[in-house]
Protein backbone atom coordinates (compact mmCIF):
# COMPACT_ATOMS: atom_id res chain seq x y z
CA UNK A 1 116.24 117.00 12.77
CA UNK A 2 115.44 113.45 11.65
CA UNK A 3 113.01 113.08 14.57
CA UNK A 4 111.19 116.26 13.60
CA UNK A 5 110.74 115.07 10.00
CA UNK A 6 109.48 111.64 11.11
CA UNK A 7 107.16 113.35 13.60
CA UNK A 8 105.66 115.55 10.89
CA UNK A 9 105.11 112.55 8.61
CA UNK A 10 103.41 110.67 11.47
CA UNK A 11 101.24 113.73 12.20
CA UNK A 12 100.12 113.87 8.57
CA UNK A 13 99.22 110.16 8.55
CA UNK A 14 97.26 110.45 11.80
CA UNK A 15 95.40 113.54 10.57
CA UNK A 16 94.44 111.69 7.39
CA UNK A 17 93.15 108.72 9.38
CA UNK A 18 91.06 111.02 11.58
CA UNK A 19 90.21 111.05 15.25
CA UNK A 20 87.85 108.79 17.11
CA UNK A 21 84.94 110.03 19.15
CA UNK A 22 84.77 108.34 22.54
CA UNK A 23 81.82 108.12 24.85
CA UNK A 24 81.85 109.95 28.16
CA UNK A 25 80.19 108.42 31.24
CA UNK A 26 78.18 110.22 33.96
CA UNK A 27 81.35 110.87 36.00
CA UNK A 28 83.16 112.55 33.08
CA UNK A 29 85.41 109.60 32.18
CA UNK A 30 86.14 109.04 28.50
CA UNK A 31 85.57 105.38 27.68
CA UNK A 32 88.30 103.74 25.59
CA UNK A 33 87.60 100.27 24.22
CA UNK A 34 90.30 98.09 22.71
CA UNK A 35 88.28 95.75 20.52
CA UNK A 36 88.93 92.02 20.44
CA UNK A 37 91.71 91.27 17.95
CA UNK A 38 93.02 94.86 17.98
CA UNK A 39 95.84 96.79 19.64
CA UNK A 40 94.59 100.42 19.55
CA UNK A 41 91.66 101.97 21.34
CA UNK A 42 91.55 105.06 19.11
CA UNK A 43 93.20 106.90 16.23
CA UNK A 44 92.77 110.25 17.99
CA UNK A 45 95.62 112.71 17.53
CA UNK A 46 96.01 115.54 20.03
CA UNK A 47 99.12 117.63 20.66
CA UNK A 48 100.35 119.34 23.80
CA UNK A 49 103.13 121.56 25.06
CA UNK A 50 102.17 120.90 28.67
CA UNK A 51 104.98 119.72 30.92
CA UNK A 52 102.47 118.27 33.37
CA UNK A 53 99.74 115.72 32.66
CA UNK A 54 97.28 114.58 35.31
CA UNK A 55 94.38 112.20 34.86
CA UNK A 56 92.25 109.63 36.64
CA UNK A 57 92.01 106.07 35.35
CA UNK A 58 89.60 103.30 36.15
CA UNK A 59 89.90 99.68 35.05
CA UNK A 60 86.89 97.35 35.05
CA UNK A 61 86.88 93.54 35.03
CA UNK A 62 87.35 93.49 31.24
CA UNK A 63 91.10 93.97 31.89
CA UNK A 64 91.33 90.41 33.22
CA UNK A 65 92.88 88.38 30.40
CA UNK A 66 95.05 85.37 29.65
CA UNK A 67 97.42 85.47 26.70
CA UNK A 68 97.74 82.61 24.22
CA UNK A 69 101.49 82.44 24.81
CA UNK A 70 102.04 82.40 28.60
CA UNK A 71 105.25 84.45 28.19
CA UNK A 72 103.19 87.32 26.74
CA UNK A 73 101.33 87.71 30.03
CA UNK A 74 104.42 89.70 31.09
CA UNK A 75 104.01 92.21 28.23
CA UNK A 76 103.20 95.77 29.23
CA UNK A 77 100.02 97.27 27.76
CA UNK A 78 99.95 101.05 27.42
CA UNK A 79 97.60 103.28 29.40
CA UNK A 80 98.36 106.93 28.60
CA UNK A 81 101.33 109.21 28.00
CA UNK A 82 103.10 111.49 25.54
CA UNK A 83 105.69 111.46 22.79
CA UNK A 84 108.77 113.51 23.65
CA UNK A 85 111.91 115.23 22.37
CA UNK A 86 110.27 116.26 19.08
CA UNK A 87 110.24 112.62 17.92
CA UNK A 88 107.69 109.96 17.16
CA UNK A 89 106.68 107.86 20.17
CA UNK A 90 108.76 104.82 19.18
CA UNK A 91 111.89 107.00 19.37
CA UNK A 92 111.13 109.04 22.52
CA UNK A 93 108.07 108.82 24.76
CA UNK A 94 106.97 108.32 28.32
CA UNK A 95 103.74 106.69 29.40
CA UNK A 96 102.03 104.64 32.01
CA UNK A 97 101.66 100.95 31.30
CA UNK A 98 99.62 98.16 32.85
CA UNK A 99 99.14 94.41 32.78
CA UNK A 100 96.99 91.75 34.41
CA UNK A 101 99.44 89.50 36.25
CA UNK A 102 99.17 87.33 39.38
CA UNK A 103 95.46 88.21 39.65
CA UNK A 104 96.10 91.95 39.93
CA UNK A 105 96.52 95.07 37.82
CA UNK A 106 100.15 96.16 37.86
CA UNK A 107 101.01 99.74 36.83
CA UNK A 108 104.34 100.59 35.19
CA UNK A 109 106.29 103.45 33.71
CA UNK A 110 107.12 102.68 30.08
CA UNK A 111 109.76 104.71 28.25
CA UNK A 112 111.05 104.76 24.67
CA UNK A 113 114.50 106.32 24.54
CA UNK A 114 116.53 106.50 21.32
CA UNK A 115 114.36 103.77 19.79
CA UNK A 116 114.74 101.27 22.65
CA UNK A 117 112.30 100.76 25.50
CA UNK A 118 112.52 100.06 29.20
CA UNK A 119 110.01 99.93 32.01
CA UNK A 120 109.57 99.42 35.73
CA UNK A 121 106.76 98.72 38.13
CA UNK A 122 105.22 101.60 40.09
CA UNK A 123 102.36 99.96 42.02
CA UNK A 124 99.20 97.84 41.86
CA UNK A 125 95.65 99.17 41.52
CA UNK A 126 92.26 97.57 41.99
CA UNK A 127 89.43 96.83 39.61
CA UNK A 128 86.77 99.59 39.59
CA UNK A 129 89.11 101.77 41.67
CA UNK A 130 89.77 105.32 40.52
CA UNK A 131 93.37 106.52 40.88
CA UNK A 132 95.15 109.76 40.02
CA UNK A 133 98.15 109.55 37.68
CA UNK A 134 100.63 112.37 37.07
CA UNK A 135 103.43 112.72 34.55
CA UNK A 136 105.80 115.68 34.90
CA UNK A 137 108.40 116.38 32.20
CA UNK A 138 111.07 118.50 33.81
CA UNK A 139 114.29 119.75 32.24
CA UNK A 140 116.21 116.50 32.68
CA UNK A 141 113.81 114.08 34.38
CA UNK A 142 110.36 112.60 34.42
CA UNK A 143 108.37 112.27 37.62
CA UNK A 144 105.55 109.75 37.43
CA UNK A 145 103.05 109.19 40.22
CA UNK A 146 100.12 106.89 40.84
CA UNK A 147 98.27 108.23 43.88
CA UNK A 148 101.12 108.80 46.41
CA UNK A 149 103.66 106.42 44.84
CA UNK A 150 106.18 108.23 42.62
CA UNK A 151 109.26 107.38 40.56
CA UNK A 152 111.84 109.69 38.98
CA UNK A 153 113.55 108.81 35.70
CA UNK A 154 116.09 110.46 33.41
CA UNK A 155 114.63 112.46 30.53
CA UNK A 156 116.87 112.32 27.43
CA UNK A 157 116.14 115.84 26.13
CA UNK A 158 116.20 119.14 27.96
CA UNK A 159 114.37 121.35 25.47
CA UNK A 160 110.62 121.74 25.26
CA UNK A 161 108.92 120.24 22.25
CA UNK A 162 105.36 119.84 21.09
CA UNK A 163 104.25 116.31 21.93
CA UNK A 164 101.23 114.19 21.15
CA UNK A 165 99.18 112.10 23.53
CA UNK A 166 99.34 108.31 23.49
CA UNK A 167 96.14 106.45 24.30
CA UNK A 168 95.29 102.94 25.60
CA UNK A 169 96.94 100.16 23.60
CA UNK A 170 96.98 96.41 24.20
CA UNK A 171 99.93 94.11 23.94
CA UNK A 172 103.23 93.57 22.41
CA UNK A 173 102.96 90.46 20.23
CA UNK A 174 99.35 89.58 20.94
CA UNK A 175 96.20 91.53 20.32
CA UNK A 176 93.33 91.98 22.78
CA UNK A 177 91.74 88.56 23.48
CA UNK A 178 88.34 90.26 24.05
CA UNK A 179 87.00 93.83 24.29
CA UNK A 180 88.89 95.72 27.01
CA UNK A 181 87.48 98.92 28.48
CA UNK A 182 89.54 101.59 30.22
CA UNK A 183 88.15 104.90 31.50
CA UNK A 184 90.28 108.07 31.59
CA UNK A 185 89.51 111.58 32.79
CA UNK A 186 91.94 114.51 32.50
CA UNK A 187 92.16 116.57 35.67
């Protein structure tokens, strides 16, 4: 019940802030820009009851960065995902993450579960390469795929709840060192 109350408060705050309008390119990709010195790419709020999310993502060379604190280069930036279990995303959520590390883009699963987070690497992708990402929320597990590489993880709730989408976000401790552009297209 506590999660549902916190979720409704968060919904009200996000609705008051308002959504952001993002540009769409000629191929139908929405363009998300995380501005220098910021974490978020948008304040858009959109809910879903879908158990299955599929999208394409494309990273350009703006995702090449070096953090001020070298340890923060290991932080996982967020790509796209959903809140879960009727809670706010810091309590329960599942999303794809990414980072620029060892001269490559690494893609991760990133999960909040009971207020704590964990993550694991799925694969690497290339700059200006379009890849398909899928997130399935089954009764007791998540299945996350990037192209043909998939991982299965435990889902902490079995019931279906309305969720909200989570959009590109930079960092943990540090903010974007320059404008970072990520393109997403729902399939």
